[in-house]
C-alpha atoms as a PDB file:
ATOM      1  CA  UNK A   1     117.038-135.745  61.709  1.00  0.00           C
ATOM      2  CA  UNK A   2     115.522-138.407  59.638  1.00  0.00           C
ATOM      3  CA  UNK A   3     113.666-137.461  56.520  1.00  0.00           C
ATOM      4  CA  UNK A   4     110.115-138.201  57.532  1.00  0.00           C
ATOM      5  CA  UNK A   5     108.794-137.502  54.028  1.00  0.00           C
ATOM      6  CA  UNK A   6     106.705-134.616  52.840  1.00  0.00           C
ATOM      7  CA  UNK A   7     104.630-132.760  55.375  1.00  0.00           C
ATOM      8  CA  UNK A   8     100.817-132.845  55.418  1.00  0.00           C
ATOM      9  CA  UNK A   9     100.614-129.298  54.012  1.00  0.00           C
ATOM     10  CA  UNK A  10     103.056-130.118  51.250  1.00  0.00           C
ATOM     11  CA  UNK A  11     101.082-133.197  50.386  1.00  0.00           C
ATOM     12  CA  UNK A  12      97.924-131.142  50.314  1.00  0.00           C
ATOM     13  CA  UNK A  13      99.518-128.461  48.149  1.00  0.00           C
ATOM     14  CA  UNK A  14     101.004-130.952  45.763  1.00  0.00           C
ATOM     15  CA  UNK A  15      97.971-133.151  45.848  1.00  0.00           C
ATOM     16  CA  UNK A  16      99.852-136.372  46.084  1.00  0.00           C
ATOM     17  CA  UNK A  17      98.270-139.663  46.971  1.00  0.00           C
ATOM     18  CA  UNK A  18      94.993-139.835  48.800  1.00  0.00           C
ATOM     19  CA  UNK A  19      95.531-136.322  50.057  1.00  0.00           C
ATOM     20  CA  UNK A  20      94.493-134.939  46.658  1.00  0.00           C
ATOM     21  CA  UNK A  21      90.936-136.023  47.192  1.00  0.00           C
ATOM     22  CA  UNK A  22      91.052-134.693  50.738  1.00  0.00           C
ATOM     23  CA  UNK A  23      92.384-131.389  49.449  1.00  0.00           C
ATOM     24  CA  UNK A  24      89.639-131.150  46.901  1.00  0.00           C
ATOM     25  CA  UNK A  25      86.970-131.982  49.451  1.00  0.00           C
ATOM     26  CA  UNK A  26      88.298-129.536  52.042  1.00  0.00           C
ATOM     27  CA  UNK A  27      89.314-126.913  49.508  1.00  0.00           C
ATOM     28  CA  UNK A  28      92.593-126.232  51.156  1.00  0.00           C
ATOM     29  CA  UNK A  29      95.632-124.706  49.555  1.00  0.00           C
ATOM     30  CA  UNK A  30      95.828-124.268  45.825  1.00  0.00           C
ATOM     31  CA  UNK A  31      93.147-126.875  45.378  1.00  0.00           C
ATOM     32  CA  UNK A  32      90.407-124.495  46.507  1.00  0.00           C
ATOM     33  CA  UNK A  33      90.486-122.805  43.091  1.00  0.00           C
ATOM     34  CA  UNK A  34      90.682-126.155  41.336  1.00  0.00           C
ATOM     35  CA  UNK A  35      87.764-127.420  43.391  1.00  0.00           C
ATOM     36  CA  UNK A  36      85.769-124.336  42.457  1.00  0.00           C
ATOM     37  CA  UNK A  37      86.672-124.691  38.808  1.00  0.00           C
ATOM     38  CA  UNK A  38      85.816-128.366  38.659  1.00  0.00           C
ATOM     39  CA  UNK A  39      82.831-128.081  40.947  1.00  0.00           C
ATOM     40  CA  UNK A  40      83.952-131.009  43.093  1.00  0.00           C
ATOM     41  CA  UNK A  41      83.219-131.688  46.723  1.00  0.00           C
ATOM     42  CA  UNK A  42      81.412-129.143  48.920  1.00  0.00           C
ATOM     43  CA  UNK A  43      82.445-126.439  46.505  1.00  0.00           C
ATOM     44  CA  UNK A  44      79.988-127.666  43.905  1.00  0.00           C
ATOM     45  CA  UNK A  45      77.211-125.638  45.566  1.00  0.00           C
ATOM     46  CA  UNK A  46      79.458-122.614  45.950  1.00  0.00           C
ATOM     47  CA  UNK A  47      80.537-122.917  42.332  1.00  0.00           C
ATOM     48  CA  UNK A  48      76.929-123.058  41.262  1.00  0.00           C
ATOM     49  CA  UNK A  49      76.054-120.006  43.380  1.00  0.00           C
ATOM     50  CA  UNK A  50      79.021-117.970  42.196  1.00  0.00           C
ATOM     51  CA  UNK A  51      78.931-119.270  38.643  1.00  0.00           C
ATOM     52  CA  UNK A  52      82.653-119.923  38.574  1.00  0.00           C
ATOM     53  CA  UNK A  53      84.526-122.320  36.341  1.00  0.00           C
ATOM     54  CA  UNK A  54      82.659-125.001  34.415  1.00  0.00           C
ATOM     55  CA  UNK A  55      79.845-124.709  36.896  1.00  0.00           C
ATOM     56  CA  UNK A  56      79.021-121.312  35.458  1.00  0.00           C
ATOM     57  CA  UNK A  57      77.363-122.978  32.478  1.00  0.00           C
ATOM     58  CA  UNK A  58      75.547-125.362  34.794  1.00  0.00           C
ATOM     59  CA  UNK A  59      74.431-122.466  36.968  1.00  0.00           C
ATOM     60  CA  UNK A  60      73.155-120.593  33.922  1.00  0.00           C
ATOM     61  CA  UNK A  61      71.351-123.658  32.644  1.00  0.00           C
ATOM     62  CA  UNK A  62      69.727-124.385  35.995  1.00  0.00           C
ATOM     63  CA  UNK A  63      69.126-120.931  37.319  1.00  0.00           C
ATOM     64  CA  UNK A  64      70.220-117.900  35.349  1.00  0.00           C
ATOM     65  CA  UNK A  65      69.167-119.245  32.010  1.00  0.00           C
ATOM     66  CA  UNK A  66      65.705-120.183  33.299  1.00  0.00           C
ATOM     67  CA  UNK A  67      65.228-116.666  34.602  1.00  0.00           C
ATOM     68  CA  UNK A  68      66.329-115.257  31.262  1.00  0.00           C
ATOM     69  CA  UNK A  69      64.012-117.632  29.431  1.00  0.00           C
ATOM     70  CA  UNK A  70      61.138-116.629  31.684  1.00  0.00           C
ATOM     71  CA  UNK A  71      61.789-112.964  30.932  1.00  0.00           C
ATOM     72  CA  UNK A  72      61.980-113.749  27.223  1.00  0.00           C
ATOM     73  CA  UNK A  73      58.721-115.668  27.398  1.00  0.00           C
ATOM     74  CA  UNK A  74      57.075-112.786  29.242  1.00  0.00           C
ATOM     75  CA  UNK A  75      58.272-110.306  26.630  1.00  0.00           C
ATOM     76  CA  UNK A  76      57.028-112.595  23.880  1.00  0.00           C
ATOM     77  CA  UNK A  77      53.655-112.946  25.587  1.00  0.00           C
ATOM     78  CA  UNK A  78      53.456-109.158  26.020  1.00  0.00           C
ATOM     79  CA  UNK A  79      54.192-108.624  22.321  1.00  0.00           C
ATOM     80  CA  UNK A  80      51.558-111.190  21.414  1.00  0.00           C
ATOM     81  CA  UNK A  81      49.001-109.478  23.674  1.00  0.00           C
ATOM     82  CA  UNK A  82      49.748-106.105  22.099  1.00  0.00           C
ATOM     83  CA  UNK A  83      49.414-107.639  18.649  1.00  0.00           C
ATOM     84  CA  UNK A  84      46.009-109.083  19.602  1.00  0.00           C
ATOM     85  CA  UNK A  85      44.883-105.696  20.947  1.00  0.00           C
ATOM     86  CA  UNK A  86      46.011-103.931  17.779  1.00  0.00           C
ATOM     87  CA  UNK A  87      44.220-106.507  15.656  1.00  0.00           C
ATOM     88  CA  UNK A  88      41.009-106.105  17.668  1.00  0.00           C
ATOM     89  CA  UNK A  89      41.263-102.289  17.491  1.00  0.00           C
ATOM     90  CA  UNK A  90      41.839-102.494  13.741  1.00  0.00           C
ATOM     91  CA  UNK A  91      38.843-104.792  13.346  1.00  0.00           C
ATOM     92  CA  UNK A  92      36.654-102.419  15.393  1.00  0.00           C
ATOM     93  CA  UNK A  93      37.847 -99.448  13.351  1.00  0.00           C
ATOM     94  CA  UNK A  94      37.139-101.293  10.123  1.00  0.00           C
ATOM     95  CA  UNK A  95      33.692-102.291  11.355  1.00  0.00           C
ATOM     96  CA  UNK A  96      32.985 -98.693  12.393  1.00  0.00           C
ATOM     97  CA  UNK A  97      34.075 -97.464   8.969  1.00  0.00           C
ATOM     98  CA  UNK A  98      31.755 -99.971   7.298  1.00  0.00           C
ATOM     99  CA  UNK A  99      28.840 -98.893   9.507  1.00  0.00           C
ATOM    100  CA  UNK A 100      29.549 -95.221   8.777  1.00  0.00           C
ATOM    101  CA  UNK A 101      29.738 -95.937   5.055  1.00  0.00           C
ATOM    102  CA  UNK A 102      26.485 -97.868   5.251  1.00  0.00           C
ATOM    103  CA  UNK A 103      24.838 -94.997   7.102  1.00  0.00           C
ATOM    104  CA  UNK A 104      26.060 -92.514   4.505  1.00  0.00           C
ATOM    105  CA  UNK A 105      24.779 -94.716   1.677  1.00  0.00           C
ATOM    106  CA  UNK A 106      21.418 -95.076   3.391  1.00  0.00           C
ATOM    107  CA  UNK A 107      21.266 -91.314   3.945  1.00  0.00           C
ATOM    108  CA  UNK A 108      22.178 -90.696   0.319  1.00  0.00           C
ATOM    109  CA  UNK A 109      19.403 -93.040  -0.815  1.00  0.00           C
ATOM    110  CA  UNK A 110      16.933 -91.284   1.482  1.00  0.00           C
ATOM    111  CA  UNK A 111      18.018 -87.880   0.194  1.00  0.00           C
ATOM    112  CA  UNK A 112      17.727 -89.117  -3.368  1.00  0.00           C
ATOM    113  CA  UNK A 113      14.286 -90.510  -2.614  1.00  0.00           C
ATOM    114  CA  UNK A 114      13.157 -87.217  -1.104  1.00  0.00           C
ATOM    115  CA  UNK A 115      14.608 -85.317  -4.028  1.00  0.00           C
ATOM    116  CA  UNK A 116      12.765 -87.594  -6.454  1.00  0.00           C
ATOM    117  CA  UNK A 117       9.547 -87.195  -4.472  1.00  0.00           C
ATOM    118  CA  UNK A 118       9.999 -83.431  -4.389  1.00  0.00           C
ATOM    119  CA  UNK A 119      10.773 -83.384  -8.098  1.00  0.00           C
ATOM    120  CA  UNK A 120       7.716 -85.486  -8.838  1.00  0.00           C
ATOM    121  CA  UNK A 121       5.642 -83.237  -6.596  1.00  0.00           C
ATOM    122  CA  UNK A 122       6.794 -80.130  -8.438  1.00  0.00           C
ATOM    123  CA  UNK A 123       6.150 -81.771 -11.804  1.00  0.00           C
ATOM    124  CA  UNK A 124       2.604 -82.560 -10.713  1.00  0.00           C
ATOM    125  CA  UNK A 125       2.155 -79.009  -9.468  1.00  0.00           C
ATOM    126  CA  UNK A 126       3.397 -77.467 -12.681  1.00  0.00           C
ATOM    127  CA  UNK A 127       1.192 -79.785 -14.730  1.00  0.00           C
ATOM    128  CA  UNK A 128      -1.774 -78.618 -12.668  1.00  0.00           C
ATOM    129  CA  UNK A 129      -0.662 -74.984 -13.000  1.00  0.00           C
ATOM    130  CA  UNK A 130      -0.229 -75.297 -16.755  1.00  0.00           C
ATOM    131  CA  UNK A 131      -3.683 -76.839 -17.129  1.00  0.00           C
ATOM    132  CA  UNK A 132      -5.062 -74.053 -14.941  1.00  0.00           C
ATOM    133  CA  UNK A 133      -3.416 -71.358 -17.094  1.00  0.00           C
ATOM    134  CA  UNK A 134      -4.756 -72.905 -20.294  1.00  0.00           C
ATOM    135  CA  UNK A 135      -8.291 -73.060 -18.934  1.00  0.00           C
ATOM    136  CA  UNK A 136      -7.951 -69.504 -17.644  1.00  0.00           C
ATOM    137  CA  UNK A 137      -6.893 -68.152 -21.046  1.00  0.00           C
ATOM    138  CA  UNK A 138      -9.805 -69.907 -22.739  1.00  0.00           C
ATOM    139  CA  UNK A 139     -12.380 -68.672 -20.230  1.00  0.00           C
ATOM    140  CA  UNK A 140     -15.057 -66.177 -21.268  1.00  0.00           C
ATOM    141  CA  UNK A 141     -15.888 -65.479 -17.639  1.00  0.00           C
ATOM    142  CA  UNK A 142     -14.989 -62.353 -15.749  1.00  0.00           C
ATOM    143  CA  UNK A 143     -11.898 -63.796 -14.091  1.00  0.00           C
ATOM    144  CA  UNK A 144     -11.477 -63.669 -10.330  1.00  0.00           C
ATOM    145  CA  UNK A 145      -8.964 -66.074  -8.812  1.00  0.00           C
ATOM    146  CA  UNK A 146      -8.102 -67.765  -5.535  1.00  0.00           C
ATOM    147  CA  UNK A 147      -4.734 -69.463  -5.090  1.00  0.00           C
ATOM    148  CA  UNK A 148      -4.282 -71.587  -1.995  1.00  0.00           C
ATOM    149  CA  UNK A 149      -0.820 -72.898  -1.172  1.00  0.00           C
ATOM    150  CA  UNK A 150       2.059 -73.171   1.292  1.00  0.00           C
ATOM    151  CA  UNK A 151       4.889 -71.734  -0.814  1.00  0.00           C
ATOM    152  CA  UNK A 152       4.768 -67.957  -1.258  1.00  0.00           C
ATOM    153  CA  UNK A 153       7.472 -67.918  -3.957  1.00  0.00           C
ATOM    154  CA  UNK A 154       5.600 -70.483  -6.031  1.00  0.00           C
ATOM    155  CA  UNK A 155       2.345 -68.590  -5.603  1.00  0.00           C
ATOM    156  CA  UNK A 156       3.971 -65.349  -6.765  1.00  0.00           C
ATOM    157  CA  UNK A 157       5.453 -67.126  -9.797  1.00  0.00           C
ATOM    158  CA  UNK A 158       1.997 -68.419 -10.738  1.00  0.00           C
ATOM    159  CA  UNK A 159       0.462 -64.951 -10.326  1.00  0.00           C
ATOM    160  CA  UNK A 160       3.034 -63.552 -12.743  1.00  0.00           C
ATOM    161  CA  UNK A 161       2.220 -66.272 -15.270  1.00  0.00           C
ATOM    162  CA  UNK A 162      -1.512 -65.604 -14.934  1.00  0.00           C
ATOM    163  CA  UNK A 163      -1.016 -61.888 -15.472  1.00  0.00           C
ATOM    164  CA  UNK A 164       1.166 -62.470 -18.524  1.00  0.00           C
ATOM    165  CA  UNK A 165      -1.226 -64.981 -20.097  1.00  0.00           C
ATOM    166  CA  UNK A 166      -4.189 -62.665 -19.624  1.00  0.00           C
ATOM    167  CA  UNK A 167      -2.262 -59.734 -21.016  1.00  0.00           C
ATOM    168  CA  UNK A 168      -1.160 -61.788 -24.024  1.00  0.00           C
ATOM    169  CA  UNK A 169      -4.791 -62.734 -24.646  1.00  0.00           C
ATOM    170  CA  UNK A 170      -5.808 -59.030 -24.403  1.00  0.00           C
ATOM    171  CA  UNK A 171      -7.954 -59.697 -21.366  1.00  0.00           C
ATOM    172  CA  UNK A 172      -5.811 -57.175 -19.482  1.00  0.00           C
ATOM    173  CA  UNK A 173      -4.571 -53.954 -20.986  1.00  0.00           C
ATOM    174  CA  UNK A 174      -1.442 -53.961 -18.814  1.00  0.00           C
ATOM    175  CA  UNK A 175       0.668 -56.420 -16.869  1.00  0.00           C
ATOM    176  CA  UNK A 176       1.075 -54.526 -13.631  1.00  0.00           C
ATOM    177  CA  UNK A 177       0.690 -56.460 -10.365  1.00  0.00           C
ATOM    178  CA  UNK A 178      -0.417 -54.523  -7.284  1.00  0.00           C
ATOM    179  CA  UNK A 179       0.768 -56.710  -4.397  1.00  0.00           C
ATOM    180  CA  UNK A 180      -0.625 -55.930  -0.941  1.00  0.00           C
ATOM    181  CA  UNK A 181      -1.026 -57.696   2.396  1.00  0.00           C
ATOM    182  CA  UNK A 182      -4.583 -58.095   3.739  1.00  0.00           C
ATOM    183  CA  UNK A 183      -3.884 -56.206   6.972  1.00  0.00           C
ATOM    184  CA  UNK A 184      -2.533 -53.251   5.009  1.00  0.00           C
ATOM    185  CA  UNK A 185      -5.508 -53.309   2.655  1.00  0.00           C
ATOM    186  CA  UNK A 186      -7.771 -53.066   5.710  1.00  0.00           C
ATOM    187  CA  UNK A 187      -6.366 -49.558   6.193  1.00  0.00           C
ATOM    188  CA  UNK A 188      -6.622 -48.456   2.553  1.00  0.00           C
ATOM    189  CA  UNK A 189      -9.585 -46.695   0.884  1.00  0.00           C
ATOM    190  CA  UNK A 190      -9.995 -49.177  -1.986  1.00  0.00           C
ATOM    191  CA  UNK A 191     -12.614 -47.102  -3.752  1.00  0.00           C
ATOM    192  CA  UNK A 192     -10.212 -44.161  -3.907  1.00  0.00           C
ATOM    193  CA  UNK A 193      -7.512 -46.366  -5.431  1.00  0.00           C
ATOM    194  CA  UNK A 194      -9.769 -48.325  -7.805  1.00  0.00           C
ATOM    195  CA  UNK A 195      -8.917 -46.478 -11.032  1.00  0.00           C
ATOM    196  CA  UNK A 196      -5.186 -47.038 -10.423  1.00  0.00           C
ATOM    197  CA  UNK A 197      -5.747 -50.808 -10.449  1.00  0.00           C
ATOM    198  CA  UNK A 198      -7.682 -51.033 -13.722  1.00  0.00           C
ATOM    199  CA  UNK A 199      -5.870 -52.941 -16.454  1.00  0.00           C
ATOM    200  CA  UNK A 200      -3.773 -55.023 -14.108  1.00  0.00           C
ATOM    201  CA  UNK A 201      -3.855 -57.531 -11.262  1.00  0.00           C
ATOM    202  CA  UNK A 202      -4.410 -56.985  -7.550  1.00  0.00           C
ATOM    203  CA  UNK A 203      -2.716 -59.677  -5.464  1.00  0.00           C
ATOM    204  CA  UNK A 204      -3.942 -59.864  -1.847  1.00  0.00           C
ATOM    205  CA  UNK A 205      -1.702 -61.966   0.429  1.00  0.00           C
ATOM    206  CA  UNK A 206      -3.005 -63.722   3.568  1.00  0.00           C
ATOM    207  CA  UNK A 207      -6.518 -62.880   2.418  1.00  0.00           C
ATOM    208  CA  UNK A 208      -8.120 -64.627   5.408  1.00  0.00           C
ATOM    209  CA  UNK A 209      -7.067 -61.608   7.511  1.00  0.00           C
ATOM    210  CA  UNK A 210      -9.344 -59.247   5.557  1.00  0.00           C
ATOM    211  CA  UNK A 211     -11.883 -57.518   7.752  1.00  0.00           C
ATOM    212  CA  UNK A 212     -15.607 -57.655   7.012  1.00  0.00           C
ATOM    213  CA  UNK A 213     -15.735 -54.017   5.837  1.00  0.00           C
ATOM    214  CA  UNK A 214     -12.772 -54.531   3.515  1.00  0.00           C
ATOM    215  CA  UNK A 215     -14.347 -57.697   2.043  1.00  0.00           C
ATOM    216  CA  UNK A 216     -17.552 -55.774   1.346  1.00  0.00           C
ATOM    217  CA  UNK A 217     -15.603 -53.072  -0.534  1.00  0.00           C
ATOM    218  CA  UNK A 218     -13.582 -55.730  -2.342  1.00  0.00           C
ATOM    219  CA  UNK A 219     -16.752 -57.422  -3.643  1.00  0.00           C
ATOM    220  CA  UNK A 220     -17.950 -54.068  -4.937  1.00  0.00           C
ATOM    221  CA  UNK A 221     -14.612 -53.582  -6.718  1.00  0.00           C
ATOM    222  CA  UNK A 222     -14.721 -57.071  -8.267  1.00  0.00           C
ATOM    223  CA  UNK A 223     -18.193 -56.472  -9.609  1.00  0.00           C
ATOM    224  CA  UNK A 224     -17.583 -52.902 -10.763  1.00  0.00           C
ATOM    225  CA  UNK A 225     -14.335 -53.609 -12.639  1.00  0.00           C
ATOM    226  CA  UNK A 226     -14.911 -57.179 -13.780  1.00  0.00           C
ATOM    227  CA  UNK A 227     -13.129 -57.816 -17.068  1.00  0.00           C
ATOM    228  CA  UNK A 228     -10.847 -54.837 -16.517  1.00  0.00           C
ATOM    229  CA  UNK A 229      -8.887 -56.014 -13.485  1.00  0.00           C
ATOM    230  CA  UNK A 230      -8.474 -59.385 -11.826  1.00  0.00           C
ATOM    231  CA  UNK A 231      -8.343 -59.978  -8.084  1.00  0.00           C
ATOM    232  CA  UNK A 232      -6.216 -62.850  -6.814  1.00  0.00           C
ATOM    233  CA  UNK A 233      -6.676 -63.904  -3.204  1.00  0.00           C
ATOM    234  CA  UNK A 234      -3.941 -66.088  -1.653  1.00  0.00           C
ATOM    235  CA  UNK A 235      -3.515 -67.871   1.668  1.00  0.00           C
ATOM    236  CA  UNK A 236      -2.942 -71.290   3.157  1.00  0.00           C
ATOM    237  CA  UNK A 237      -5.445 -73.882   1.861  1.00  0.00           C
ATOM    238  CA  UNK A 238      -7.366 -74.412   5.117  1.00  0.00           C
ATOM    239  CA  UNK A 239      -7.634 -70.669   5.781  1.00  0.00           C
ATOM    240  CA  UNK A 240      -8.721 -69.916   2.236  1.00  0.00           C
ATOM    241  CA  UNK A 241     -11.412 -72.584   2.268  1.00  0.00           C
ATOM    242  CA  UNK A 242     -12.645 -71.381   5.674  1.00  0.00           C
ATOM    243  CA  UNK A 243     -12.914 -67.811   4.402  1.00  0.00           C
ATOM    244  CA  UNK A 244     -14.973 -68.791   1.353  1.00  0.00           C
ATOM    245  CA  UNK A 245     -17.235 -71.066   3.408  1.00  0.00           C
ATOM    246  CA  UNK A 246     -18.111 -68.135   5.644  1.00  0.00           C
ATOM    247  CA  UNK A 247     -18.902 -65.829   2.717  1.00  0.00           C
ATOM    248  CA  UNK A 248     -20.987 -67.554   0.054  1.00  0.00           C
ATOM    249  CA  UNK A 249     -21.355 -64.375  -2.012  1.00  0.00           C
ATOM    250  CA  UNK A 250     -17.582 -64.015  -2.305  1.00  0.00           C
ATOM    251  CA  UNK A 251     -17.296 -67.719  -3.059  1.00  0.00           C
ATOM    252  CA  UNK A 252     -19.739 -67.356  -5.955  1.00  0.00           C
ATOM    253  CA  UNK A 253     -17.704 -64.514  -7.414  1.00  0.00           C
ATOM    254  CA  UNK A 254     -14.545 -66.644  -7.647  1.00  0.00           C
ATOM    255  CA  UNK A 255     -14.257 -68.170 -11.136  1.00  0.00           C
ATOM    256  CA  UNK A 256     -11.006 -70.141 -10.692  1.00  0.00           C
ATOM    257  CA  UNK A 257      -9.595 -71.887  -7.650  1.00  0.00           C
ATOM    258  CA  UNK A 258      -6.060 -73.306  -7.677  1.00  0.00           C
ATOM    259  CA  UNK A 259      -4.490 -75.248  -4.812  1.00  0.00           C
ATOM    260  CA  UNK A 260      -0.747 -75.891  -5.075  1.00  0.00           C
END
């Protein structure tokens, strides 16, 4: 046989002559891998899809890398959104803290103002009380007193001061205070107890609740023991004034009226 030269397959495998290009295009024999690696011929698309050989970088740049970049961008955007939210929350919290601080400062100023007003009010009251006590000690009258006010503790404190001042000035022989509620006095025989009260002070609380018969006996007692015992009637201002307006005789017997 004559040597007809290398066969078609051999040519394809060796890639000699024009058959090399054909081999690359068809991807036959050992050139399939080379075609994939170089990304030549119809295998360029396959190389891109599989990411083999040098086409792997191209595939990443065109496809895979864009997806990765998109994911990175999304993560970056998410971080930025979270940062904005945190900043807004921080700003709201700071604003709330400022408002709360402002409210506390305003409340403190209001409290201070009320305290100052209360303090001023008490100073005025005590100035009035002191003037009242001075005038009481200098009085030559047979002392009978009405104290009208809202604060029972303050009223009691004033009664104690009155009793002490009158005792110190020898108007009273003793400093005892007989404290009784009007409704209880309505049930007591005042005439039978009169001698026990001499030399001290009889304090009648909520005097507007005294009954007509008790008031009549009380006026007798005030007249009979004037200069030996003082009677102090106490109640709320409007009730005390109403009581005295209804009984002019009792009103005339009162020598000192103090409203605090």
